[in-house]
Protein backbone atom coordinates (compact mmCIF):
# COMPACT_ATOMS: atom_id res chain seq x y z
CA MET A 1 0.01 0.04 0.21
CA VAL A 2 0.18 2.28 -0.79
CA ARG A 3 -1.13 3.07 3.08
CA SER A 4 -3.79 5.74 3.27
CA GLN A 5 -3.40 8.44 5.93
CA ARG A 6 -6.36 10.55 5.41
CA ARG A 7 -12.11 10.46 -0.91
CA GLN A 8 -22.66 -0.84 -18.39
CA GLY A 9 -21.16 -1.61 -21.80
CA TYR A 10 -21.35 -3.56 -24.89
CA LEU A 11 -19.35 -6.99 -24.88
CA ALA A 12 -20.33 -10.29 -23.54
CA LYS A 13 -19.46 -10.60 -20.13
CA ARG A 14 -16.13 -12.03 -20.40
CA LEU A 15 -14.35 -11.35 -17.12
CA VAL A 16 -16.06 -14.32 -15.14
CA ALA A 17 -15.94 -16.38 -17.75
CA GLY A 18 -12.42 -16.32 -19.02
CA HIS A 19 -10.54 -13.68 -16.40
CA LEU A 20 -10.69 -15.27 -13.04
CA GLY A 21 -10.40 -19.06 -14.23
CA ASP A 22 -14.19 -19.73 -13.48
CA LYS A 23 -16.07 -21.09 -16.03
CA LEU A 24 -19.79 -20.63 -15.97
CA ALA A 25 -22.55 -23.18 -16.68
CA ASP A 26 -24.87 -21.11 -18.38
CA THR A 27 -21.86 -19.73 -20.22
CA GLU A 28 -21.33 -23.54 -21.53
CA MET A 29 -24.85 -24.11 -22.34
CA ASP A 30 -25.31 -21.04 -24.58
CA SER A 31 -22.17 -22.23 -26.25
CA GLN A 32 -23.89 -25.45 -26.73
CA ILE A 33 -27.02 -24.32 -28.22
CA THR A 34 -25.40 -22.11 -30.48
CA ALA A 35 -23.50 -24.70 -32.25
CA MET A 36 -26.32 -27.02 -32.29
CA LYS A 37 -28.76 -23.79 -34.01
CA ILE A 38 -25.87 -23.34 -36.44
CA ARG A 39 -25.93 -27.61 -37.71
CA LEU A 40 -29.51 -27.43 -37.79
CA CYS A 41 -29.35 -24.03 -39.84
CA ARG A 42 -26.80 -25.95 -42.19
CA ILE A 43 -29.81 -28.49 -42.83
CA VAL A 44 -32.55 -26.63 -43.04
CA ALA A 45 -31.61 -23.44 -45.01
CA GLY A 46 -28.13 -24.29 -46.56
CA TRP A 47 -24.99 -21.82 -46.39
CA VAL A 48 -26.75 -18.28 -46.26
CA THR A 49 -29.13 -18.91 -43.52
CA THR A 50 -25.69 -20.30 -41.63
CA LEU A 51 -23.71 -17.10 -42.50
CA LEU A 52 -26.36 -15.17 -41.36
CA LEU A 53 -26.61 -16.78 -37.89
CA ALA A 54 -22.08 -16.59 -37.68
CA VAL A 55 -22.80 -13.04 -37.87
CA ALA A 56 -25.32 -12.66 -35.38
CA ALA A 57 -23.68 -15.13 -32.83
CA VAL A 58 -20.36 -13.26 -33.38
CA ASN A 59 -22.51 -9.62 -32.67
CA ILE A 60 -24.12 -10.74 -29.73
CA PRO A 61 -21.11 -10.67 -27.45
CA LEU A 62 -19.46 -7.76 -29.14
CA ALA A 63 -23.08 -5.77 -27.77
CA SER A 64 -22.65 -6.85 -24.43
CA ALA A 65 -19.44 -7.37 -23.63
CA LYS A 66 -18.62 -3.86 -21.78
CA ASP A 67 -21.47 -4.71 -19.37
CA SER A 68 -18.37 -5.90 -16.83
CA LEU A 69 -15.08 -4.21 -16.17
CA VAL A 70 -12.19 -6.28 -14.97
CA ILE A 71 -9.25 -4.23 -12.92
CA GLY A 72 -5.81 -5.31 -11.96
CA ILE A 73 -4.61 -4.51 -8.59
CA THR A 74 -1.34 -5.56 -6.63
CA GLN A 75 -2.58 -6.06 -3.15
CA PHE A 76 -5.10 -7.55 -1.47
CA PRO A 77 -6.75 -5.92 1.44
CA SER A 78 -6.25 -7.29 5.01
CA THR A 79 -9.83 -6.55 6.11
CA PHE A 80 -12.60 -5.04 4.71
CA HIS A 81 -13.39 -2.73 7.62
CA PRO A 82 -13.42 0.94 6.44
CA ALA A 83 -11.75 2.33 9.47
CA ILE A 84 -9.39 -0.32 11.00
CA SER A 85 -6.14 -0.74 9.00
CA ALA A 86 -5.01 1.74 6.48
CA MET A 87 -4.76 0.18 2.97
CA MET A 88 -5.26 1.49 -0.31
CA ALA A 89 -6.00 -1.88 -1.98
CA LYS A 90 -8.97 -1.48 0.84
CA THR A 91 -9.48 1.92 0.05
CA TYR A 92 -9.71 1.58 -3.80
CA ILE A 93 -12.59 -1.17 -3.41
CA LEU A 94 -14.45 0.47 -0.41
CA ALA A 95 -14.64 3.46 -2.76
CA MET A 96 -16.99 1.85 -5.30
CA THR A 97 -19.31 0.58 -2.42
CA ARG A 98 -19.20 3.08 0.60
CA ARG A 99 -18.76 7.20 0.38
CA PRO A 100 -16.90 9.30 3.15
CA MET A 101 -18.66 12.22 4.26
CA THR A 102 -16.18 15.14 2.35
CA ALA A 103 -13.65 14.20 0.23
CA TYR A 104 -10.75 16.26 -1.87
CA ASP A 105 -11.87 16.33 -5.43
CA LYS A 106 -9.09 16.03 -8.62
CA ASP A 107 -9.02 19.79 -8.25
CA TRP A 108 -8.14 19.25 -4.47
CA ASN A 109 -11.21 21.19 -3.25
CA LEU A 110 -13.04 19.77 -0.28
CA VAL A 111 -16.78 18.51 -1.25
CA CYS A 112 -19.54 17.04 -0.04
CA MET A 113 -19.89 13.03 -0.49
CA LEU A 114 -22.65 12.10 1.63
CA CYS A 115 -23.85 15.68 2.78
CA VAL A 116 -26.30 18.17 1.43
CA THR A 117 -24.28 21.15 1.91
CA LEU A 118 -20.59 21.32 3.19
CA PRO A 119 -20.43 23.13 6.05
CA THR A 120 -18.79 26.80 6.39
CA ILE A 121 -18.28 29.60 8.85
CA GLU A 122 -19.15 31.90 6.19
CA ASN A 123 -22.45 29.81 5.40
CA GLY A 124 -23.71 29.84 9.11
CA LEU A 125 -23.57 25.55 9.46
CA ALA A 126 -20.24 26.15 11.59
CA VAL A 127 -20.26 27.80 14.59
CA ARG A 128 -17.77 28.68 17.23
CA GLU A 129 -18.55 27.46 20.48
CA THR A 130 -16.60 27.42 23.95
CA THR A 131 -15.90 24.01 24.98
CA PRO A 132 -16.57 22.69 28.84
CA GLU A 133 -13.14 23.07 29.31
CA ALA A 134 -13.23 27.18 27.92
CA GLY A 135 -11.10 26.02 24.82
CA ASP A 136 -11.91 27.36 21.36
CA GLY A 137 -14.12 24.62 20.29
CA VAL A 138 -16.71 24.57 16.90
CA ALA A 139 -19.90 23.21 16.46
CA ILE A 140 -20.76 21.80 12.61
CA THR A 141 -24.00 20.65 11.66
CA PHE A 142 -24.48 18.29 8.77
CA THR A 143 -27.51 16.98 6.62
CA LEU A 144 -27.14 13.42 4.80
CA LEU A 145 -28.61 12.95 1.22
CA PRO A 146 -32.23 12.28 1.61
CA ASP A 147 -32.34 9.39 -0.08
CA LEU A 148 -29.35 7.44 1.27
CA ASN A 149 -29.85 4.05 2.20
CA TRP A 150 -28.05 0.92 3.10
CA GLY A 151 -28.00 -2.14 0.61
CA ASP A 152 -30.16 -3.88 2.57
CA GLY A 153 -32.84 -0.79 2.23
CA VAL A 154 -32.30 0.64 6.02
CA PRO A 155 -31.84 4.31 5.44
CA VAL A 156 -28.36 5.49 6.44
CA SER A 157 -29.13 7.80 9.26
CA SER A 158 -28.07 10.04 12.46
CA ARG A 159 -28.01 7.05 14.33
CA ASP A 160 -25.16 5.51 12.11
CA VAL A 161 -23.06 8.67 12.79
CA VAL A 162 -23.45 8.08 16.57
CA PHE A 163 -22.64 4.44 16.57
CA THR A 164 -19.52 5.16 14.53
CA TRP A 165 -18.37 8.09 16.80
CA GLU A 166 -19.01 5.17 19.57
CA VAL A 167 -16.79 2.74 18.03
CA GLY A 168 -14.51 5.15 16.96
CA LYS A 169 -13.39 6.72 20.16
CA HIS A 170 -13.18 3.59 22.26
CA PRO A 171 -9.58 2.87 23.14
CA LYS A 172 -9.79 -1.08 22.26
CA SER A 173 -11.71 -1.30 19.07
CA GLY A 174 -8.94 -0.76 16.91
CA ILE A 175 -9.86 2.12 14.95
CA GLY A 176 -6.71 3.68 13.15
CA SER A 177 -8.04 7.45 12.93
CA ALA A 178 -9.52 7.58 16.55
CA GLU A 179 -8.38 10.54 17.49
CA LEU A 180 -10.82 12.29 15.26
CA PHE A 181 -13.36 10.59 17.15
CA ARG A 182 -11.90 11.89 20.20
CA ARG A 183 -12.01 14.70 19.53
CA ILE A 184 -15.98 15.00 18.86
CA LEU A 185 -17.21 15.58 22.55
CA ASN A 186 -20.82 15.03 21.54
CA ILE A 187 -23.58 14.84 18.54
CA ASP A 188 -26.69 16.65 18.83
CA VAL A 189 -29.14 14.20 16.41
CA ILE A 190 -31.59 16.63 15.35
CA ASP A 191 -33.89 14.67 13.07
CA GLU A 192 -32.86 11.17 10.90
CA LYS A 193 -30.56 12.86 8.40
CA THR A 194 -29.32 16.09 10.02
CA PHE A 195 -26.98 15.90 13.06
CA THR A 196 -24.61 18.34 14.96
CA LEU A 197 -20.68 17.41 16.06
CA HIS A 198 -19.69 19.31 18.94
CA VAL A 199 -15.46 19.39 18.50
CA ASP A 200 -13.35 20.37 21.13
CA ARG A 201 -11.15 22.47 18.64
CA LEU A 202 -11.57 24.74 15.81
CA THR A 203 -8.83 23.30 12.99
CA PHE A 204 -8.07 24.70 9.70
CA ASP A 205 -9.38 21.91 8.34
CA TYR A 206 -12.67 21.83 10.60
CA ASN A 207 -15.16 20.90 8.18
CA ASP A 208 -13.20 18.00 6.39
CA LEU A 209 -15.08 14.49 7.55
CA GLY A 210 -13.28 12.11 5.44
CA GLY A 211 -12.46 10.18 8.17
CA LEU A 212 -16.02 9.42 9.60
CA ASP A 213 -16.47 6.41 7.56
CA LEU A 214 -20.05 5.50 8.68
CA LEU A 215 -21.02 1.65 9.98
CA PRO A 216 -24.46 0.16 9.60
CA GLU A 217 -25.74 0.58 13.36
CA HIS A 218 -28.14 -2.13 12.64
CA ILE A 219 -25.38 -4.71 11.79
CA GLU A 220 -22.85 -3.94 13.72
CA ARG A 221 -24.22 -2.93 17.14
CA ILE A 222 -24.21 -6.62 17.72
CA ARG A 223 -20.64 -7.12 17.02
CA PHE A 224 -19.35 -4.38 18.89
CA SER A 225 -20.83 -5.76 22.17
CA ASP A 226 -17.50 -7.20 22.95
CA PRO A 227 -14.96 -3.82 21.81
CA VAL A 228 -11.46 -5.45 22.64
CA ASN A 229 -12.47 -8.37 20.01
CA TYR A 230 -14.66 -6.22 17.64
CA ARG A 231 -11.51 -6.02 15.12
CA ASN A 232 -12.41 -9.76 15.04
CA LYS A 233 -15.65 -9.79 14.85
CA THR A 234 -16.79 -6.95 12.83
CA ALA A 235 -19.41 -8.21 9.57
CA TYR A 236 -17.07 -6.49 7.30
CA ASP A 237 -14.65 -9.35 7.66
CA THR A 238 -17.33 -12.44 9.23
CA ASP A 239 -20.14 -11.46 6.61
CA THR A 240 -18.56 -9.18 3.98
CA LEU A 241 -20.91 -9.93 1.24
CA ASN A 242 -24.27 -8.61 3.29
CA GLN A 243 -25.65 -5.78 1.26
CA GLY A 244 -26.11 -3.65 4.27
CA LEU A 245 -22.44 -2.75 4.74
CA TYR A 246 -22.42 -0.88 1.84
CA HIS A 247 -24.04 2.58 0.60
CA GLY A 248 -22.34 3.09 -2.68
CA PRO A 249 -22.94 2.40 -6.51
CA TYR A 250 -21.55 -1.23 -5.93
CA LEU A 251 -22.28 -4.18 -3.42
CA VAL A 252 -19.00 -6.80 -2.92
CA THR A 253 -20.80 -10.03 -4.14
CA ARG A 254 -18.04 -12.37 -3.90
CA VAL A 255 -14.50 -12.57 -2.12
CA GLU A 256 -11.61 -15.05 -2.86
CA VAL A 257 -9.13 -14.31 -0.67
CA GLY A 258 -5.93 -13.10 -2.24
CA SER A 259 -7.30 -13.31 -5.58
CA HIS A 260 -9.98 -11.28 -6.54
CA VAL A 261 -13.11 -9.29 -5.29
CA VAL A 262 -16.81 -9.15 -7.53
CA LEU A 263 -18.82 -6.11 -7.43
CA GLU A 264 -22.34 -5.66 -8.56
CA ARG A 265 -25.05 -3.22 -9.18
CA ASN A 266 -26.35 -1.56 -5.62
CA PRO A 267 -30.31 -1.19 -6.11
CA MET A 268 -30.87 1.10 -3.72
CA TRP A 269 -28.13 3.48 -4.97
CA HIS A 270 -30.17 6.64 -5.72
CA GLY A 271 -27.01 8.62 -7.35
CA GLN A 272 -25.96 8.48 -11.03
CA SER A 273 -26.06 5.25 -12.34
CA PRO A 274 -22.92 3.66 -12.84
CA GLU A 275 -22.14 1.71 -16.51
CA PHE A 276 -21.42 -1.61 -15.50
CA ASP A 277 -23.33 -4.26 -13.94
CA ARG A 278 -20.34 -5.81 -12.73
CA ILE A 279 -16.63 -4.97 -11.76
CA VAL A 280 -13.74 -7.53 -10.80
CA VAL A 281 -11.16 -6.27 -8.72
CA ARG A 282 -8.81 -8.82 -9.50
CA VAL A 283 -5.35 -9.17 -7.51
CA VAL A 284 -1.79 -10.01 -9.05
CA GLU A 285 1.10 -9.05 -6.61
CA ASN A 286 3.58 -9.67 -8.91
CA THR A 287 3.78 -6.87 -11.38
CA ALA A 288 5.38 -8.21 -14.30
CA ALA A 289 2.47 -10.81 -14.43
CA MET A 290 0.38 -7.99 -14.08
CA GLU A 291 1.21 -6.75 -17.52
CA ALA A 292 1.16 -10.25 -19.26
CA ASN A 293 -2.70 -10.23 -17.99
CA LEU A 294 -3.44 -7.11 -19.44
CA VAL A 295 -1.70 -7.82 -22.90
CA SER A 296 -3.52 -11.39 -22.70
CA GLY A 297 -6.88 -9.73 -22.29
CA SER A 298 -7.48 -11.03 -18.83
CA LEU A 299 -7.89 -7.95 -17.57
CA ASP A 300 -9.27 -4.64 -18.78
CA MET A 301 -7.12 -1.90 -17.14
CA ILE A 302 -4.47 -1.56 -14.31
CA ALA A 303 -5.29 0.71 -11.32
CA GLY A 304 -2.58 3.63 -11.37
CA GLU A 305 -3.39 3.80 -7.27
CA LEU A 306 -2.25 0.28 -7.07
CA GLY A 307 -0.50 -1.17 -10.55
CA LEU A 308 2.44 -1.29 -12.50
CA SER A 309 5.48 0.96 -11.55
CA LEU A 310 6.52 3.71 -13.36
CA ASP A 311 9.64 1.99 -15.31
CA GLN A 312 6.99 -0.60 -16.26
CA ALA A 313 4.39 1.85 -17.39
CA VAL A 314 6.58 3.91 -19.84
CA SER A 315 8.16 0.70 -21.31
CA PHE A 316 4.58 -0.60 -21.30
CA ASP A 317 3.58 3.19 -23.39
CA LYS A 318 6.49 2.48 -25.95
CA ARG A 319 5.46 -1.19 -26.84
CA HIS A 320 1.62 -0.69 -26.66
CA GLY A 321 0.74 2.72 -26.18
CA ASN A 322 -1.46 2.55 -29.75
CA LYS A 323 -3.46 0.21 -28.00
CA TYR A 324 -3.79 1.22 -24.97
CA ARG A 325 -4.42 4.76 -23.13
CA VAL A 326 -1.56 5.27 -20.31
CA LEU A 327 -2.04 8.32 -17.69
CA TYR A 328 0.67 9.65 -15.71
CA GLN A 329 -0.27 11.64 -12.69
CA SER A 330 2.51 12.55 -10.05
CA GLY A 331 1.09 13.48 -6.32
CA LEU A 332 1.10 13.22 -2.44
CA ILE A 333 2.10 9.52 -2.94
CA TYR A 334 5.30 9.19 -0.44
CA GLU A 335 7.57 6.27 -0.84
CA HIS A 336 9.63 5.89 2.26
CA ILE A 337 11.40 3.54 4.85
CA ASP A 338 10.11 3.30 8.11
CA LEU A 339 12.92 2.55 10.85
CA ASN A 340 11.80 1.01 14.03
CA LEU A 341 12.99 3.35 17.10
CA ASP A 342 12.71 0.61 19.64
CA ASN A 343 15.76 -1.06 17.76
CA PRO A 344 19.15 -0.04 20.02
CA ILE A 345 20.84 0.47 16.63
CA LEU A 346 18.24 2.65 15.26
CA SER A 347 17.61 4.37 18.17
CA ASP A 348 21.04 6.31 17.71
CA VAL A 349 20.31 9.46 15.47
CA ARG A 350 23.83 9.11 13.82
CA VAL A 351 23.26 5.75 12.14
CA ARG A 352 19.84 7.03 10.94
CA ARG A 353 21.49 9.98 9.27
CA ALA A 354 24.24 7.79 8.24
CA LEU A 355 21.31 5.61 6.30
CA VAL A 356 20.34 8.09 4.68
CA HIS A 357 23.69 9.70 3.82
CA ALA A 358 24.70 6.53 2.15
CA ILE A 359 21.45 6.41 -0.37
CA ASP A 360 22.00 7.96 -3.86
CA ARG A 361 18.49 8.77 -4.52
CA GLU A 362 18.63 11.25 -7.20
CA THR A 363 20.48 7.99 -9.43
CA ILE A 364 18.09 6.06 -8.01
CA SER A 365 15.46 8.32 -9.49
CA THR A 366 16.92 9.12 -12.87
CA GLN A 367 18.20 5.11 -13.40
CA LEU A 368 14.68 3.42 -12.23
CA PHE A 369 12.05 6.46 -13.31
CA ALA A 370 13.71 7.84 -15.99
CA GLY A 371 13.97 11.18 -13.69
CA ARG A 372 10.06 11.14 -13.42
CA GLN A 373 9.63 11.02 -9.96
CA PRO A 374 11.33 13.63 -7.60
CA THR A 375 13.28 12.64 -4.75
CA ALA A 376 11.93 13.66 -1.13
CA ARG A 377 13.82 15.35 1.67
CA SER A 378 10.67 15.22 3.63
CA ASN A 379 7.50 13.98 4.21
CA VAL A 380 5.77 17.00 2.72
CA ASN A 381 5.33 17.19 -1.23
CA PRO A 382 6.75 20.05 -3.19
CA LEU A 383 3.09 20.35 -4.82
CA ASP A 384 1.70 21.00 -1.26
CA LYS A 385 1.51 24.62 -0.59
CA VAL A 386 3.15 24.23 2.74
CA PHE A 387 6.40 22.55 1.39
CA ALA A 388 9.15 24.48 2.74
CA ASP A 389 11.98 24.72 -0.21
CA ASP A 390 14.84 26.57 1.89
CA ILE A 391 15.27 22.83 4.07
CA PRO A 392 17.85 21.20 2.46
CA GLY A 393 18.08 17.15 3.03
CA LEU A 394 20.38 15.19 3.58
CA ALA A 395 22.59 14.50 0.41
CA TYR A 396 24.20 11.99 -0.70
CA ASP A 397 27.63 11.87 1.36
CA PRO A 398 29.14 8.04 1.71
CA LYS A 399 31.75 9.66 3.62
CA LYS A 400 30.05 11.54 5.95
CA ALA A 401 27.97 8.49 6.05
CA ALA A 402 31.15 6.67 7.32
CA GLN A 403 32.14 9.38 10.14
CA LEU A 404 28.49 9.04 11.66
CA LEU A 405 29.01 5.79 12.07
CA ARG A 406 32.90 5.46 13.40
CA ASP A 407 31.15 8.31 15.50
CA ALA A 408 28.31 6.17 16.48
CA GLY A 409 30.65 3.11 17.98
CA TRP A 410 30.85 1.35 14.51
CA GLY A 411 34.45 2.07 13.59
CA SER A 412 35.40 -1.58 13.20
CA MET A 413 35.42 -3.94 10.56
CA ARG A 414 34.80 -8.20 10.40
CA ASN A 415 34.10 -9.61 7.22
CA GLY A 416 32.92 -6.89 5.30
CA VAL A 417 30.35 -5.98 8.05
CA ARG A 418 30.70 -3.11 10.85
CA VAL A 419 30.66 -4.19 14.58
CA ASN A 420 30.95 -2.26 17.68
CA GLU A 421 32.99 -2.56 20.95
CA ASP A 422 30.80 -5.97 21.92
CA GLY A 423 31.71 -7.37 18.53
CA ALA A 424 27.61 -6.99 17.60
CA PRO A 425 27.29 -6.67 14.04
CA LEU A 426 25.34 -3.55 12.32
CA SER A 427 22.86 -6.22 10.91
CA LEU A 428 19.48 -4.85 9.74
CA GLU A 429 16.16 -6.38 8.52
CA PHE A 430 14.48 -4.86 5.33
CA MET A 431 10.96 -5.53 4.64
CA THR A 432 8.34 -4.49 1.88
CA THR A 433 5.21 -6.25 -0.01
CA ALA A 434 6.51 -9.49 -1.72
CA GLY A 435 6.19 -9.36 -5.46
CA ASN A 436 6.54 -5.61 -6.23
CA ARG A 437 9.27 -5.49 -8.69
CA THR A 438 10.04 -1.78 -8.12
CA ARG A 439 10.34 -1.72 -4.86
CA GLU A 440 12.20 -5.20 -4.32
CA LEU A 441 14.67 -4.03 -6.70
CA VAL A 442 15.13 -0.37 -4.70
CA GLN A 443 15.59 -2.86 -1.91
CA GLN A 444 18.55 -4.43 -3.57
CA VAL A 445 20.02 -1.00 -4.92
CA LEU A 446 20.18 0.14 -1.34
CA GLN A 447 21.18 -3.34 0.41
CA SER A 448 24.34 -2.64 -2.36
CA GLU A 449 25.05 0.77 -0.87
CA TRP A 450 24.37 -0.14 2.39
CA LYS A 451 26.76 -3.26 1.72
CA ALA A 452 29.60 -0.32 0.47
CA LEU A 453 29.83 0.74 4.15
CA GLY A 454 29.63 -1.77 5.99
CA ILE A 455 25.87 -2.37 7.02
CA GLU A 456 24.58 -5.56 6.84
CA VAL A 457 20.95 -5.66 5.40
CA LYS A 458 18.99 -8.63 5.45
CA ILE A 459 15.86 -8.86 2.59
CA ILE A 460 12.70 -10.40 4.49
CA ASN A 461 9.83 -9.68 2.33
CA GLN A 462 6.08 -10.71 2.64
CA PRO A 463 2.49 -10.51 0.70
CA ALA A 464 0.83 -7.22 1.43
CA ARG A 465 -2.12 -8.12 3.47
CA VAL A 466 0.50 -10.14 6.23
CA TYR A 467 2.49 -7.12 5.79
CA PHE A 468 0.11 -4.41 6.30
CA GLY A 469 -2.20 -6.79 8.24
CA GLU A 470 0.05 -7.66 11.17
CA THR A 471 3.83 -6.47 10.61
CA MET A 472 3.69 -2.65 10.29
CA ASP A 473 0.24 -2.27 11.69
CA GLU A 474 1.63 -4.32 15.20
CA ARG A 475 4.92 -2.72 14.78
CA LYS A 476 6.53 -6.33 14.58
CA PHE A 477 9.14 -5.05 11.54
CA THR A 478 12.72 -4.91 13.68
CA GLY A 479 14.34 -2.94 11.44
CA LEU A 480 13.15 -1.40 7.93
CA GLY A 481 10.22 -1.21 6.59
CA MET A 482 9.54 0.31 3.09
CA TYR A 483 5.88 1.15 2.01
CA ALA A 484 3.93 4.43 0.55
CA TRP A 485 1.83 6.81 2.43
CA ILE A 486 -0.35 8.50 0.54
CA SER A 487 -2.46 11.84 1.88
CA SER A 488 -4.75 14.54 1.25
CA PRO A 489 -3.33 18.56 0.30
CA GLU A 490 -2.20 20.01 3.59
CA SER A 491 -2.01 16.42 5.86
CA VAL A 492 -1.38 16.89 9.40
CA PRO A 493 0.68 13.74 10.15
CA ARG A 494 -0.76 13.35 13.13
CA THR A 495 -1.52 9.65 13.77
CA THR A 496 1.87 9.04 11.41
CA LEU A 497 4.25 11.04 14.10
CA HIS A 498 2.48 12.15 17.17
CA SER A 499 3.77 9.76 19.83
CA ALA A 500 0.50 9.57 21.45
CA HIS A 501 -0.44 7.06 18.21
CA ILE A 502 2.22 4.61 18.29
CA PRO A 503 0.33 0.91 18.00
CA SER A 504 0.49 -1.21 20.67
CA GLU A 505 -1.03 -4.32 22.20
CA GLU A 506 -2.44 -1.79 25.17
CA ASN A 507 -4.08 0.55 23.03
CA GLY A 508 -5.54 -2.17 20.62
CA TYR A 509 -3.05 -1.10 17.74
CA GLU A 510 -4.40 2.27 17.08
CA GLY A 511 -2.25 4.55 15.34
CA GLN A 512 0.07 4.83 12.44
CA ASN A 513 3.24 5.95 14.05
CA TYR A 514 4.90 2.51 13.62
CA PRO A 515 8.75 3.91 13.75
CA GLY A 516 7.38 4.91 17.52
CA PHE A 517 8.85 8.14 17.31
CA LYS A 518 8.91 10.34 20.57
CA ASN A 519 9.58 14.10 20.07
CA GLN A 520 7.66 16.41 22.34
CA GLU A 521 8.32 19.66 20.06
CA LEU A 522 7.27 17.86 16.92
CA ASP A 523 3.69 16.63 19.05
CA ASP A 524 3.50 20.73 20.05
CA LEU A 525 4.47 21.65 16.81
CA ILE A 526 1.27 19.00 15.23
CA ASP A 527 -1.18 20.27 18.07
CA ALA A 528 -0.45 24.09 16.53
CA ILE A 529 -0.43 23.51 12.86
CA GLU A 530 -4.30 22.25 13.36
CA VAL A 531 -5.64 25.14 15.18
CA GLU A 532 -3.92 28.00 13.30
CA LEU A 533 -6.37 29.12 10.92
CA ASN A 534 -4.00 31.73 9.52
CA PHE A 535 -2.21 30.15 6.86
CA ASP A 536 1.07 32.62 6.55
CA LYS A 537 1.76 31.46 10.15
CA ARG A 538 0.45 28.05 9.86
CA ARG A 539 3.21 27.76 7.18
CA LYS A 540 5.90 28.44 9.46
CA LEU A 541 5.04 25.99 12.23
CA TRP A 542 5.13 23.64 8.77
CA ARG A 543 8.84 24.81 8.18
CA ARG A 544 9.76 23.81 11.66
CA LEU A 545 8.42 20.47 11.64
CA GLN A 546 9.43 20.05 8.20
CA GLU A 547 13.27 20.74 9.62
CA ILE A 548 12.83 18.41 12.97
CA TYR A 549 11.70 15.40 10.16
CA VAL A 550 14.82 15.98 8.07
CA ASN A 551 17.24 16.36 11.22
CA GLU A 552 15.62 13.96 13.15
CA VAL A 553 15.63 10.49 10.79
CA PRO A 554 12.18 9.08 12.25
CA VAL A 555 11.73 7.72 8.29
CA ILE A 556 13.96 7.37 5.34
CA PRO A 557 12.56 9.63 2.81
CA LEU A 558 13.10 8.36 -0.94
CA TYR A 559 10.85 9.68 -3.41
CA PHE A 560 7.14 11.32 -4.18
CA ARG A 561 5.96 8.59 -6.97
CA ALA A 562 3.91 8.97 -9.99
CA ASN A 563 1.14 6.92 -10.60
CA ALA A 564 0.71 5.01 -14.21
CA PHE A 565 -3.05 4.27 -15.22
CA LEU A 566 -3.40 1.96 -18.18
CA LEU A 567 -6.53 2.20 -19.62
CA PRO A 568 -8.65 0.79 -22.67
CA PRO A 569 -9.10 3.11 -25.19
CA TRP A 570 -12.77 2.12 -24.65
CA LEU A 571 -12.94 3.37 -21.18
CA ASP A 572 -13.34 7.14 -20.31
CA GLY A 573 -14.16 9.15 -16.98
CA ILE A 574 -11.11 8.23 -15.21
CA GLU A 575 -9.49 11.22 -13.57
CA PRO A 576 -6.66 10.41 -11.52
CA THR A 577 -7.01 12.77 -8.32
CA GLY A 578 -2.95 13.10 -7.07
CA HIS A 579 -3.88 12.67 -3.64
CA GLN A 580 -5.51 9.59 -1.03
CA TYR A 581 -8.93 9.93 -2.81
CA PRO A 582 -9.24 7.02 -5.11
CA THR A 583 -10.46 7.44 -8.81
CA THR A 584 -12.86 5.11 -8.25
CA LEU A 585 -14.54 7.52 -5.74
CA TRP A 586 -16.32 8.72 -8.87
CA VAL A 587 -16.76 5.12 -10.68
CA GLU A 588 -20.32 6.38 -11.65
CA ASN A 589 -18.71 8.77 -13.86
CA TRP A 590 -16.56 5.99 -15.80
CA ARG A 591 -18.26 5.75 -19.56
CA VAL A 592 -17.60 3.01 -22.45
CA VAL A 593 -17.09 5.41 -25.27
CA PRO A 594 -17.08 4.16 -28.94
């Protein structure tokens, strides 16, 4: 994953028959009947009639084949619960079956998805108020869309909002974005569709409610009776095909773990009608195999959010660009390496800085990505308006890296590996998602560069659903963990950097601060940034945050990714966003064109 921090046609339905390896009995029967008709026509009416029927037989699949769409992605979700475990594979699929309250669109503007009107202080739907602790809070009133229903016909209501809040704020529920729910002091239910949130602080993004992923109270309430084990009992994983879990244009109708997910039209959806009767999201973890599947026709398209690497896409474009449309979109996708700071080796900032100084990121970008992916100094993208361009990153400098290691007590060498005064080797485990060709190639390059300095790096990779579902979420990685965050514009890194969001068994593995980074000044900066409404003042705070990030190295910055969307020429309406909300959030706009 990309991990997410916190938005019907004409060919025969070939996707189920050939693409998933499942032969439908009715398809086989149709073929037999067609063959019998042709033989009969040859006897009764001769070659002319036979020819006409043959043409008709050809035209039937051509007239209905685009009722279905097969999408290729590289990862399978570790869970289908919308608020447990941030993972782009899950976000990508669920965006077709559910909607957030608000989201950023392709122009990076905040818009309503489930609400009638976006609340603002200007339109009176957001009002400053004093909290019980005499703080500067805000009351925000939302009204849900009037015809919004769960897939089983039960209306989505204010009761679902209140229940979702109860789950989210519980310290043992395992919800990743619990901070949002804890900030909501109370909810006033005005009617079935209207409610007012009383929030404990007035932040600059006070009306962004994208993290409030509604849960169906009528289904999940009984499962939440045991909050500690809720993440293992949720219907999203124990009863995934339950229609009442979804309120978007599609329903999940079939799940083959590790293989594919089938989505079909939601009859309760009252928004714009989607084009396709059925969408299959097929998982091919090996990106080389995914390309082969596209060329063979087993896939109709490859998602840019979780598809081919940029170098593969550029090569594919040169070879097959006349048959496919390839869209390139750069944005807020931050490829990096988390460092487990509980590891005694990595707890020394000198070692962390040495690891960065040893990496030639510019050459990696040039050689592997044709210079299309900018190297990262910190977690803030140069496209973001709060980027501090006057803060230099830790540049490639092997000599400085070697000196830092000597200063940290790793001055001796034994069999090509540095050792400390106790004879312990400078050895680290390096993990990422198995089967991702680009990440594995980058791993090997970094392993070689670190080896040249006497740092032993052992590569241990895992399938994405294990890597994200257990290893990272529960901080089981011991050294280095490579993956990507994708965020919204000016996304405050509270859950990923604030010391209060370090996952542990005690807090139900809540939070996404996987390095275990603790820095009081950075905690204070995060708190201050969120409540500073003046942009110029806020930008100064952002600058200091980036300075700490660069110098303290809780994470090794690599580069900001550009995504490549490989699409058939007959598919239109896909508009890459460049931020955390995937293109599938607007799947009803996808259309088949002549």
